[in-house]
Amino acid sequence: GYISNRVTINGEGVRRRVLCFSQDGYLVAETYSSAADGVYRFDHLWLNRRYMLVAQDDPAFGPADYNAVAADYQAPTPYIV
């Protein structure tokens, strides 16, 4: 399956490093959201697992703070076959 969403600040999409962790804390994948609209996507995720997604602020603008993209663990969306 996949998880796709947006990273925004005040409703505007921004480019940020986005990390995907498994429920037991392992880093599964990382990507960057699009500078144009803030959209990111993680593919090839297990449907029977949940994932925590975290965006990292750009260290060039201050401390590299981590912000949860979602308050809860997210379930992947199945691919349409």
C-alpha atoms as a PDB file:
ATOM      1  CA  GLY A   1       0.000   0.000   0.000  1.00  0.00           C
ATOM      2  CA  TYR A   2       0.909   3.650   0.106  1.00  0.00           C
ATOM      3  CA  ILE A   3       0.560   6.734   2.302  1.00  0.00           C
ATOM      4  CA  SER A   4       0.296  10.138   0.653  1.00  0.00           C
ATOM      5  CA  ASN A   5      -0.379  13.488   2.308  1.00  0.00           C
ATOM      6  CA  ARG A   6       0.834  17.110   2.519  1.00  0.00           C
ATOM      7  CA  VAL A   7       3.183  19.082   4.741  1.00  0.00           C
ATOM      8  CA  THR A   8       1.827  22.596   5.252  1.00  0.00           C
ATOM      9  CA  ILE A   9       2.554  25.731   7.230  1.00  0.00           C
ATOM     10  CA  ASN A  10      -0.445  28.028   7.587  1.00  0.00           C
ATOM     11  CA  GLY A  11      -2.199  26.065   4.847  1.00  0.00           C
ATOM     12  CA  GLU A  12       0.618  26.445   2.308  1.00  0.00           C
ATOM     13  CA  GLY A  13       2.547  23.414   1.051  1.00  0.00           C
ATOM     14  CA  VAL A  14       6.243  23.397   1.946  1.00  0.00           C
ATOM     15  CA  ARG A  15       9.317  21.290   1.197  1.00  0.00           C
ATOM     16  CA  ARG A  16      10.379  19.249   4.211  1.00  0.00           C
ATOM     17  CA  ARG A  17      12.186  15.996   4.876  1.00  0.00           C
ATOM     18  CA  VAL A  18       9.525  13.415   5.789  1.00  0.00           C
ATOM     19  CA  LEU A  19      10.399  10.251   7.710  1.00  0.00           C
ATOM     20  CA  CYS A  20       8.280   7.081   7.884  1.00  0.00           C
ATOM     21  CA  PHE A  21       8.688   4.957  11.039  1.00  0.00           C
ATOM     22  CA  SER A  22       7.215   1.578  11.901  1.00  0.00           C
ATOM     23  CA  GLN A  23       5.275   1.224  15.170  1.00  0.00           C
ATOM     24  CA  ASP A  24       8.342  -0.260  16.844  1.00  0.00           C
ATOM     25  CA  GLY A  25      10.441   2.793  15.975  1.00  0.00           C
ATOM     26  CA  TYR A  26      12.414   1.642  12.957  1.00  0.00           C
ATOM     27  CA  LEU A  27      12.980   4.048  10.087  1.00  0.00           C
ATOM     28  CA  VAL A  28      11.242   2.496   7.067  1.00  0.00           C
ATOM     29  CA  ALA A  29      11.808   5.219   4.466  1.00  0.00           C
ATOM     30  CA  GLU A  30      12.387   8.914   3.967  1.00  0.00           C
ATOM     31  CA  THR A  31      11.524  11.407   1.256  1.00  0.00           C
ATOM     32  CA  TYR A  32      10.997  15.125   0.692  1.00  0.00           C
ATOM     33  CA  SER A  33       7.658  16.809   0.228  1.00  0.00           C
ATOM     34  CA  SER A  34       7.192  18.853  -2.931  1.00  0.00           C
ATOM     35  CA  ALA A  35       8.108  22.541  -2.676  1.00  0.00           C
ATOM     36  CA  ALA A  36       5.183  23.398  -4.961  1.00  0.00           C
ATOM     37  CA  ASP A  37       2.360  21.858  -2.911  1.00  0.00           C
ATOM     38  CA  GLY A  38       3.858  19.984   0.080  1.00  0.00           C
ATOM     39  CA  VAL A  39       2.775  16.557  -1.190  1.00  0.00           C
ATOM     40  CA  TYR A  40       4.775  13.448  -0.261  1.00  0.00           C
ATOM     41  CA  ARG A  41       4.196   9.735  -0.815  1.00  0.00           C
ATOM     42  CA  PHE A  42       5.541   6.469   0.579  1.00  0.00           C
ATOM     43  CA  ASP A  43       4.995   3.314  -1.493  1.00  0.00           C
ATOM     44  CA  HIS A  44       5.298  -0.443  -0.946  1.00  0.00           C
ATOM     45  CA  LEU A  45       4.104  -0.399   2.688  1.00  0.00           C
ATOM     46  CA  TRP A  46       2.566  -3.407   4.440  1.00  0.00           C
ATOM     47  CA  LEU A  47      -1.226  -3.097   4.713  1.00  0.00           C
ATOM     48  CA  ASN A  48      -1.334  -4.906   8.078  1.00  0.00           C
ATOM     49  CA  ARG A  49       1.029  -2.409   9.748  1.00  0.00           C
ATOM     50  CA  ARG A  50       0.717   1.198  10.942  1.00  0.00           C
ATOM     51  CA  TYR A  51       3.279   3.941  10.352  1.00  0.00           C
ATOM     52  CA  MET A  52       4.187   7.214  12.067  1.00  0.00           C
ATOM     53  CA  LEU A  53       5.107  10.021   9.707  1.00  0.00           C
ATOM     54  CA  VAL A  54       7.281  12.885  10.888  1.00  0.00           C
ATOM     55  CA  ALA A  55       8.372  16.036   9.046  1.00  0.00           C
ATOM     56  CA  GLN A  56      11.722  17.637   9.852  1.00  0.00           C
ATOM     57  CA  ASP A  57      12.093  21.406   9.644  1.00  0.00           C
ATOM     58  CA  ASP A  58      14.970  22.678   7.544  1.00  0.00           C
ATOM     59  CA  PRO A  59      18.009  23.235   9.816  1.00  0.00           C
ATOM     60  CA  ALA A  60      18.942  26.271   7.680  1.00  0.00           C
ATOM     61  CA  PHE A  61      16.060  28.142   9.310  1.00  0.00           C
ATOM     62  CA  GLY A  62      16.906  27.242  12.919  1.00  0.00           C
ATOM     63  CA  PRO A  63      16.828  24.068  15.030  1.00  0.00           C
ATOM     64  CA  ALA A  64      15.905  20.913  13.107  1.00  0.00           C
ATOM     65  CA  ASP A  65      12.625  20.362  14.940  1.00  0.00           C
ATOM     66  CA  TYR A  66      10.560  17.255  14.263  1.00  0.00           C
ATOM     67  CA  ASN A  67       6.800  17.590  13.845  1.00  0.00           C
ATOM     68  CA  ALA A  68       4.269  14.792  13.623  1.00  0.00           C
ATOM     69  CA  VAL A  69       2.446  14.869  10.309  1.00  0.00           C
ATOM     70  CA  ALA A  70      -0.354  12.855  11.908  1.00  0.00           C
ATOM     71  CA  ALA A  71      -1.315  12.504  15.559  1.00  0.00           C
ATOM     72  CA  ASP A  72      -1.809   8.776  15.226  1.00  0.00           C
ATOM     73  CA  TYR A  73      -0.264   5.877  13.371  1.00  0.00           C
ATOM     74  CA  GLN A  74      -1.497   5.802   9.792  1.00  0.00           C
ATOM     75  CA  ALA A  75      -2.650   2.765   7.834  1.00  0.00           C
ATOM     76  CA  PRO A  76      -1.578   2.502   4.189  1.00  0.00           C
ATOM     77  CA  THR A  77      -4.136   2.747   1.406  1.00  0.00           C
ATOM     78  CA  PRO A  78      -4.317  -0.365  -0.795  1.00  0.00           C
ATOM     79  CA  TYR A  79      -3.369  -0.005  -4.454  1.00  0.00           C
ATOM     80  CA  ILE A  80      -6.260  -0.272  -6.894  1.00  0.00           C
ATOM     81  CA  VAL A  81      -5.642  -3.316  -9.070  1.00  0.00           C
END
